[in-house]
């Protein structure tokens, strides 16, 4: 099944579901912001490193998605979705602290409305360390877990290609913190390392 990751910023696609994406045979990414020239170049390197079948990147203003008409963002996602026709979409959590993440979620849900002929049958939200967990008292309560014991280190390698985003522990963007987070969700779900998702919508496939 075709999978599309819709992320607000460069590095969100890796932080949110990089370990899971590495296990997908037909995964593509859409990043809505360039994050500066350095990160724009890095996004191309990351897409190649991750083995994404296709990759799109736009230039919406960083931390200012609320200054862009929502319809414009929806139409970007619809354009990519109609070209790719994915069955699964991964995107941000509805109650994330970051305004761009919130608006991306809203745009995805609008672009993937369950109308006749809609290809997207499953939508999952992911967490972004240093953003999702800081929106107190909103809590990310996942109900789907993916074993990433065999892909966590490659996920971290991919994230480190965004070298300007890497921080020292205990910052959530440190390699050690990413391992801790994966182990935390692994403990919750009976695995050694896991990524966690909130299932937003799943439709039964027609026979």
Protein backbone atom coordinates (compact mmCIF):
# COMPACT_ATOMS: atom_id res chain seq x y z
CA UNK A 1 0.00 0.00 0.00
CA UNK A 2 1.22 3.50 -0.79
CA UNK A 3 2.06 5.62 2.24
CA UNK A 4 2.39 9.42 2.37
CA UNK A 5 3.98 11.35 5.22
CA UNK A 6 2.71 14.94 5.42
CA UNK A 7 5.06 16.99 7.60
CA UNK A 8 5.22 20.69 8.34
CA UNK A 9 9.01 21.08 8.56
CA UNK A 10 12.20 19.34 7.49
CA UNK A 11 13.05 16.71 10.15
CA UNK A 12 9.38 16.23 11.22
CA UNK A 13 9.04 13.35 8.77
CA UNK A 14 11.91 11.55 10.52
CA UNK A 15 11.16 12.48 14.12
CA UNK A 16 7.50 11.55 13.69
CA UNK A 17 7.68 8.24 11.86
CA UNK A 18 11.16 7.66 10.46
CA UNK A 19 11.53 4.19 11.94
CA UNK A 20 8.17 3.11 10.58
CA UNK A 21 8.79 4.69 7.16
CA UNK A 22 11.94 2.61 6.80
CA UNK A 23 9.77 -0.50 7.04
CA UNK A 24 7.41 0.65 4.28
CA UNK A 25 8.03 -0.56 0.74
CA UNK A 26 6.20 2.30 -0.96
CA UNK A 27 6.61 5.44 1.15
CA UNK A 28 6.69 9.07 0.00
CA UNK A 29 7.03 12.38 1.82
CA UNK A 30 5.55 15.85 1.54
CA UNK A 31 7.26 18.61 3.56
CA UNK A 32 5.44 21.94 3.56
CA UNK A 33 8.30 24.21 4.66
CA UNK A 34 11.94 24.48 3.56
CA UNK A 35 13.42 25.52 6.90
CA UNK A 36 16.17 27.56 5.24
CA UNK A 37 18.52 26.62 2.39
CA UNK A 38 20.59 24.21 4.49
CA UNK A 39 17.59 22.17 5.59
CA UNK A 40 16.11 22.29 2.11
CA UNK A 41 19.23 20.60 0.74
CA UNK A 42 19.24 18.17 3.66
CA UNK A 43 15.65 17.16 2.97
CA UNK A 44 16.66 15.89 -0.45
CA UNK A 45 19.53 13.91 1.10
CA UNK A 46 17.18 12.49 3.73
CA UNK A 47 14.59 11.46 1.15
CA UNK A 48 17.28 9.57 -0.78
CA UNK A 49 18.72 8.03 2.41
CA UNK A 50 15.27 6.90 3.52
CA UNK A 51 14.46 5.42 0.13
CA UNK A 52 11.31 7.47 -0.38
CA UNK A 53 9.77 6.67 -3.73
CA UNK A 54 8.84 10.32 -4.26
CA UNK A 55 9.36 13.53 -2.35
CA UNK A 56 7.74 16.96 -2.47
CA UNK A 57 8.77 20.13 -0.64
CA UNK A 58 7.05 23.51 -0.53
CA UNK A 59 8.03 26.85 0.98
CA UNK A 60 5.30 27.85 3.42
CA UNK A 61 6.53 30.40 6.01
CA UNK A 62 8.13 28.82 9.07
CA UNK A 63 5.95 29.02 12.21
CA UNK A 64 3.56 31.22 10.25
CA UNK A 65 1.23 28.73 8.57
CA UNK A 66 -1.59 30.69 10.22
CA UNK A 67 -0.76 33.62 7.90
CA UNK A 68 -1.50 31.47 4.84
CA UNK A 69 -5.08 30.83 3.73
CA UNK A 70 -5.95 27.32 4.92
CA UNK A 71 -7.37 26.54 1.48
CA UNK A 72 -3.92 27.08 -0.07
CA UNK A 73 -2.41 24.45 2.23
CA UNK A 74 -5.27 22.06 1.61
CA UNK A 75 -4.82 22.42 -2.13
CA UNK A 76 -1.10 21.59 -1.88
CA UNK A 77 -1.93 18.37 -0.05
CA UNK A 78 -4.76 17.55 -2.43
CA UNK A 79 -2.48 18.04 -5.43
CA UNK A 80 0.11 15.61 -4.08
CA UNK A 81 -2.55 13.18 -2.84
CA UNK A 82 -4.32 13.11 -6.20
CA UNK A 83 -1.03 12.48 -8.00
CA UNK A 84 0.15 9.75 -5.63
CA UNK A 85 -3.19 8.29 -4.46
CA UNK A 86 -1.87 6.88 -1.15
CA UNK A 87 -3.92 4.56 1.01
CA UNK A 88 -2.17 5.53 4.28
CA UNK A 89 -1.25 9.00 5.57
CA UNK A 90 0.92 9.89 8.55
CA UNK A 91 0.81 13.46 9.86
CA UNK A 92 0.94 15.64 12.96
CA UNK A 93 -1.07 15.42 16.18
CA UNK A 94 -4.14 17.65 16.35
CA UNK A 95 -3.17 19.21 19.69
CA UNK A 96 0.53 19.76 19.07
CA UNK A 97 2.09 22.89 20.58
CA UNK A 98 3.46 24.11 17.26
CA UNK A 99 0.98 26.14 15.19
CA UNK A 100 2.32 24.78 11.88
CA UNK A 101 1.79 21.22 13.11
CA UNK A 102 -1.80 21.95 14.14
CA UNK A 103 -2.65 23.55 10.81
CA UNK A 104 -1.01 20.70 8.87
CA UNK A 105 -3.23 18.23 10.70
CA UNK A 106 -6.33 20.30 9.91
CA UNK A 107 -5.36 20.61 6.25
CA UNK A 108 -4.73 16.87 5.95
CA UNK A 109 -8.09 16.01 7.47
CA UNK A 110 -9.82 18.37 5.06
CA UNK A 111 -7.86 17.19 2.03
CA UNK A 112 -8.61 13.56 2.86
CA UNK A 113 -12.32 13.80 3.54
CA UNK A 114 -13.97 10.35 3.22
CA UNK A 115 -15.89 11.08 0.04
CA UNK A 116 -16.63 8.63 -2.76
CA UNK A 117 -13.42 7.70 -4.54
CA UNK A 118 -11.14 8.92 -1.74
CA UNK A 119 -7.93 6.82 -1.84
CA UNK A 120 -6.84 7.49 1.75
CA UNK A 121 -8.26 4.81 4.02
CA UNK A 122 -6.05 5.20 7.10
CA UNK A 123 -4.78 8.35 8.83
CA UNK A 124 -2.33 8.28 11.75
CA UNK A 125 -0.98 11.12 13.91
CA UNK A 126 2.57 11.10 15.21
CA UNK A 127 4.36 12.99 17.95
CA UNK A 128 7.24 15.43 17.46
CA UNK A 129 9.67 15.49 20.41
CA UNK A 130 10.05 19.00 21.91
CA UNK A 131 6.62 20.01 20.65
CA UNK A 132 3.88 17.45 21.19
CA UNK A 133 4.75 16.64 24.79
CA UNK A 134 5.01 20.29 25.82
CA UNK A 135 1.42 21.27 25.08
CA UNK A 136 0.27 20.82 28.67
CA UNK A 137 -2.27 19.55 29.66
CA UNK A 138 -3.06 17.99 26.27
CA UNK A 139 -1.72 14.45 26.13
CA UNK A 140 -0.68 12.39 23.12
CA UNK A 141 -2.42 9.08 23.81
CA UNK A 142 -1.32 6.63 21.10
CA UNK A 143 -3.16 3.44 20.29
CA UNK A 144 -0.95 2.00 17.54
CA UNK A 145 2.66 0.90 18.05
CA UNK A 146 5.23 -0.17 15.47
CA UNK A 147 8.34 -2.18 16.33
CA UNK A 148 11.40 -0.19 15.20
CA UNK A 149 14.12 -2.14 16.99
CA UNK A 150 15.76 -2.85 13.63
CA UNK A 151 15.36 0.68 12.24
CA UNK A 152 15.89 3.04 15.19
CA UNK A 153 19.59 3.56 14.46
CA UNK A 154 18.99 4.28 10.78
CA UNK A 155 16.22 6.70 11.83
CA UNK A 156 18.75 8.52 13.98
CA UNK A 157 21.26 8.56 11.12
CA UNK A 158 18.61 10.15 8.91
CA UNK A 159 17.78 12.75 11.55
CA UNK A 160 21.47 13.63 11.94
CA UNK A 161 21.56 14.63 8.28
CA UNK A 162 19.66 17.66 9.58
CA UNK A 163 22.76 18.55 11.57
CA UNK A 164 21.52 22.02 12.52
CA UNK A 165 18.60 20.39 14.37
CA UNK A 166 20.64 17.96 16.47
CA UNK A 167 21.00 18.89 20.14
CA UNK A 168 22.81 17.60 23.21
CA UNK A 169 21.04 15.32 25.70
CA UNK A 170 18.67 15.82 27.51
CA UNK A 171 17.13 17.88 24.69
CA UNK A 172 14.43 15.81 22.92
CA UNK A 173 16.29 16.30 19.62
CA UNK A 174 19.38 14.46 20.81
CA UNK A 175 20.13 10.97 19.51
CA UNK A 176 20.09 9.62 23.06
CA UNK A 177 16.66 11.12 23.69
CA UNK A 178 15.29 9.56 20.50
CA UNK A 179 16.48 6.17 21.72
CA UNK A 180 14.88 6.80 25.12
CA UNK A 181 11.57 7.77 23.52
CA UNK A 182 11.61 4.64 21.35
CA UNK A 183 12.36 2.49 24.40
CA UNK A 184 9.59 4.22 26.38
CA UNK A 185 6.99 3.31 23.77
CA UNK A 186 8.55 -0.12 23.52
CA UNK A 187 8.01 -0.63 27.24
CA UNK A 188 4.39 0.48 26.84
CA UNK A 189 3.77 -1.99 24.03
CA UNK A 190 5.96 -4.96 24.93
CA UNK A 191 8.73 -4.24 22.42
CA UNK A 192 12.35 -3.15 22.74
CA UNK A 193 11.89 0.02 20.66
CA UNK A 194 8.71 1.37 19.12
CA UNK A 195 7.12 4.36 17.43
CA UNK A 196 3.69 5.38 18.65
CA UNK A 197 0.74 6.70 16.66
CA UNK A 198 -2.81 7.78 17.21
CA UNK A 199 -5.19 6.15 14.74
CA UNK A 200 -7.36 9.04 13.55
CA UNK A 201 -9.47 7.24 10.98
CA UNK A 202 -9.60 3.82 9.35
CA UNK A 203 -12.08 2.74 6.74
CA UNK A 204 -12.85 -0.85 5.87
CA UNK A 205 -11.60 -1.75 2.44
CA UNK A 206 -14.26 -2.80 -0.04
CA UNK A 207 -14.14 -6.44 -1.07
